[in-house]
C-alpha atoms as a PDB file:
ATOM      1  CA  MET A   1     -63.670  97.678 121.324  1.00  0.00           C
ATOM      2  CA  LYS A   2     -65.594 100.575 119.861  1.00  0.00           C
ATOM      3  CA  ARG A   3     -67.020 100.138 116.367  1.00  0.00           C
ATOM      4  CA  ALA A   4     -66.410 102.697 113.625  1.00  0.00           C
ATOM      5  CA  PHE A   5     -69.585 104.489 112.534  1.00  0.00           C
ATOM      6  CA  ILE A   6     -69.760 105.059 108.783  1.00  0.00           C
ATOM      7  CA  ILE A   7     -72.459 106.780 106.742  1.00  0.00           C
ATOM      8  CA  THR A   8     -72.085 106.074 103.035  1.00  0.00           C
ATOM      9  CA  ALA A   9     -72.326 108.771 100.383  1.00  0.00           C
ATOM     10  CA  ASP A  10     -75.562 107.195  99.104  1.00  0.00           C
ATOM     11  CA  ALA A  11     -77.162 107.433 102.551  1.00  0.00           C
ATOM     12  CA  GLU A  12     -75.959 111.034 102.984  1.00  0.00           C
ATOM     13  CA  ALA A  13     -77.446 111.924  99.588  1.00  0.00           C
ATOM     14  CA  GLU A  14     -80.802 110.359 100.518  1.00  0.00           C
ATOM     15  CA  ILE A  15     -80.889 112.273 103.805  1.00  0.00           C
ATOM     16  CA  THR A  16     -80.147 115.548 102.023  1.00  0.00           C
ATOM     17  CA  GLU A  17     -82.704 114.860  99.276  1.00  0.00           C
ATOM     18  CA  ALA A  18     -85.447 114.064 101.790  1.00  0.00           C
ATOM     19  CA  ALA A  19     -84.604 117.060 103.997  1.00  0.00           C
ATOM     20  CA  ASP A  20     -84.713 119.355 100.952  1.00  0.00           C
ATOM     21  CA  TRP A  21     -88.059 117.877  99.887  1.00  0.00           C
ATOM     22  CA  TYR A  22     -89.541 118.494 103.362  1.00  0.00           C
ATOM     23  CA  HIS A  23     -88.092 122.024 103.456  1.00  0.00           C
ATOM     24  CA  ARG A  24     -89.801 122.847 100.158  1.00  0.00           C
ATOM     25  CA  ARG A  25     -93.119 121.674 101.648  1.00  0.00           C
ATOM     26  CA  ARG A  26     -92.849 123.862 104.750  1.00  0.00           C
ATOM     27  CA  ALA A  27     -90.106 126.035 106.195  1.00  0.00           C
ATOM     28  CA  GLY A  28     -88.465 124.280 109.124  1.00  0.00           C
ATOM     29  CA  LEU A  29     -89.740 120.821 108.240  1.00  0.00           C
ATOM     30  CA  GLY A  30     -86.438 119.879 106.604  1.00  0.00           C
ATOM     31  CA  ALA A  31     -84.635 120.802 109.835  1.00  0.00           C
ATOM     32  CA  ASP A  32     -87.121 118.672 111.776  1.00  0.00           C
ATOM     33  CA  PHE A  33     -86.365 115.747 109.451  1.00  0.00           C
ATOM     34  CA  ARG A  34     -82.618 116.177 109.974  1.00  0.00           C
ATOM     35  CA  ALA A  35     -83.156 116.276 113.759  1.00  0.00           C
ATOM     36  CA  ALA A  36     -85.103 112.996 113.555  1.00  0.00           C
ATOM     37  CA  VAL A  37     -82.282 111.457 111.504  1.00  0.00           C
ATOM     38  CA  ARG A  38     -79.651 112.641 114.005  1.00  0.00           C
ATOM     39  CA  ALA A  39     -81.634 111.206 116.921  1.00  0.00           C
ATOM     40  CA  THR A  40     -82.066 107.856 115.174  1.00  0.00           C
ATOM     41  CA  LEU A  41     -78.403 107.719 114.180  1.00  0.00           C
ATOM     42  CA  ALA A  42     -77.385 108.432 117.781  1.00  0.00           C
ATOM     43  CA  THR A  43     -79.501 105.501 118.961  1.00  0.00           C
ATOM     44  CA  VAL A  44     -78.089 103.248 116.248  1.00  0.00           C
ATOM     45  CA  ARG A  45     -74.557 104.245 117.212  1.00  0.00           C
ATOM     46  CA  ALA A  46     -75.184 103.570 120.902  1.00  0.00           C
ATOM     47  CA  ASP A  47     -76.872 100.174 120.509  1.00  0.00           C
ATOM     48  CA  PRO A  48     -77.060  98.944 116.895  1.00  0.00           C
ATOM     49  CA  LEU A  49     -78.015  95.376 117.728  1.00  0.00           C
ATOM     50  CA  ARG A  50     -81.287  96.427 119.327  1.00  0.00           C
ATOM     51  CA  PHE A  51     -82.751  96.989 115.849  1.00  0.00           C
ATOM     52  CA  PRO A  52     -84.280  94.084 113.926  1.00  0.00           C
ATOM     53  CA  LEU A  53     -82.707  92.342 110.991  1.00  0.00           C
ATOM     54  CA  VAL A  54     -84.801  93.026 107.905  1.00  0.00           C
ATOM     55  CA  LEU A  55     -82.804  91.165 105.265  1.00  0.00           C
ATOM     56  CA  ARG A  56     -79.660  89.050 105.588  1.00  0.00           C
ATOM     57  CA  SER A  57     -77.274  91.321 107.524  1.00  0.00           C
ATOM     58  CA  ALA A  58     -79.304  94.548 107.245  1.00  0.00           C
ATOM     59  CA  HIS A  59     -80.885  96.150 110.292  1.00  0.00           C
ATOM     60  CA  ALA A  60     -83.502  98.907 110.098  1.00  0.00           C
ATOM     61  CA  ALA A  61     -84.262 101.768 112.468  1.00  0.00           C
ATOM     62  CA  LEU A  62     -87.441 103.780 111.948  1.00  0.00           C
ATOM     63  CA  LEU A  63     -87.459 107.554 112.263  1.00  0.00           C
ATOM     64  CA  GLN A  64     -89.901 109.209 114.622  1.00  0.00           C
ATOM     65  CA  ARG A  65     -92.557 111.336 112.894  1.00  0.00           C
ATOM     66  CA  PHE A  66     -91.332 110.645 109.342  1.00  0.00           C
ATOM     67  CA  PRO A  67     -91.977 107.527 107.209  1.00  0.00           C
ATOM     68  CA  TYR A  68     -88.282 106.787 106.689  1.00  0.00           C
ATOM     69  CA  GLN A  69     -85.934 104.091 107.829  1.00  0.00           C
ATOM     70  CA  ILE A  70     -82.196 104.041 108.357  1.00  0.00           C
ATOM     71  CA  THR A  71     -80.756 100.781 107.058  1.00  0.00           C
ATOM     72  CA  PHE A  72     -77.358  99.577 108.232  1.00  0.00           C
ATOM     73  CA  THR A  73     -75.080  96.629 108.829  1.00  0.00           C
ATOM     74  CA  VAL A  74     -73.131  95.747 111.966  1.00  0.00           C
ATOM     75  CA  ASP A  75     -69.967  93.732 112.384  1.00  0.00           C
ATOM     76  CA  ASP A  76     -67.197  93.599 114.967  1.00  0.00           C
ATOM     77  CA  ASP A  77     -65.407  96.597 113.433  1.00  0.00           C
ATOM     78  CA  ALA A  78     -68.087  98.941 112.127  1.00  0.00           C
ATOM     79  CA  VAL A  79     -71.672 100.057 111.816  1.00  0.00           C
ATOM     80  CA  VAL A  80     -72.262 101.044 108.192  1.00  0.00           C
ATOM     81  CA  VAL A  81     -75.333 103.115 107.382  1.00  0.00           C
ATOM     82  CA  PHE A  82     -75.986 102.541 103.700  1.00  0.00           C
ATOM     83  CA  ALA A  83     -79.541 103.841 103.161  1.00  0.00           C
ATOM     84  CA  CYS A  84     -82.158 106.291 104.381  1.00  0.00           C
ATOM     85  CA  THR A  85     -85.307 105.476 102.469  1.00  0.00           C
ATOM     86  CA  HIS A  86     -89.007 106.162 102.494  1.00  0.00           C
ATOM     87  CA  GLN A  87     -90.817 103.114 103.848  1.00  0.00           C
ATOM     88  CA  ARG A  88     -93.268 102.983 100.962  1.00  0.00           C
ATOM     89  CA  ARG A  89     -90.658 103.070  98.226  1.00  0.00           C
ATOM     90  CA  ASP A  90     -89.472 100.033  96.353  1.00  0.00           C
ATOM     91  CA  PRO A  91     -87.152  98.166  98.736  1.00  0.00           C
ATOM     92  CA  GLN A  92     -84.878  97.357  95.810  1.00  0.00           C
ATOM     93  CA  SER A  93     -83.609 100.922  96.138  1.00  0.00           C
ATOM     94  CA  TRP A  94     -81.501  99.835  99.129  1.00  0.00           C
ATOM     95  CA  MET A  95     -81.361  96.063  98.694  1.00  0.00           C
ATOM     96  CA  ASP A  96     -78.995  96.435  95.761  1.00  0.00           C
ATOM     97  CA  ARG A  97     -76.556  98.244  98.077  1.00  0.00           C
ATOM     98  CA  LEU A  98     -76.620  95.632 100.819  1.00  0.00           C
ATOM     99  CA  PRO A  99     -73.038  94.506 101.423  1.00  0.00           C
ATOM    100  CA  VAL A 100     -72.455  90.815 100.794  1.00  0.00           C
END
């Protein structure tokens, strides 16, 4: 059975915010960030259980080239991406969103 792949609105907003921030720093860098996110999401979709558990049911996948992580949960029915956060930020920013 194939799992649904869901990206929450919070995660989408974080991806957009980070891409915009990188774009303001240098033209094209925001697009590079989005490409890194797409590549990481494709890997998560293909094999989500290869990524380590970081807290309770949350797995984390690190982006190449950028200090961000995609945080998600996996169950029999779905992979739910609920955060895309800078690795040096307060982890509470995504821990509060961790599904029970």
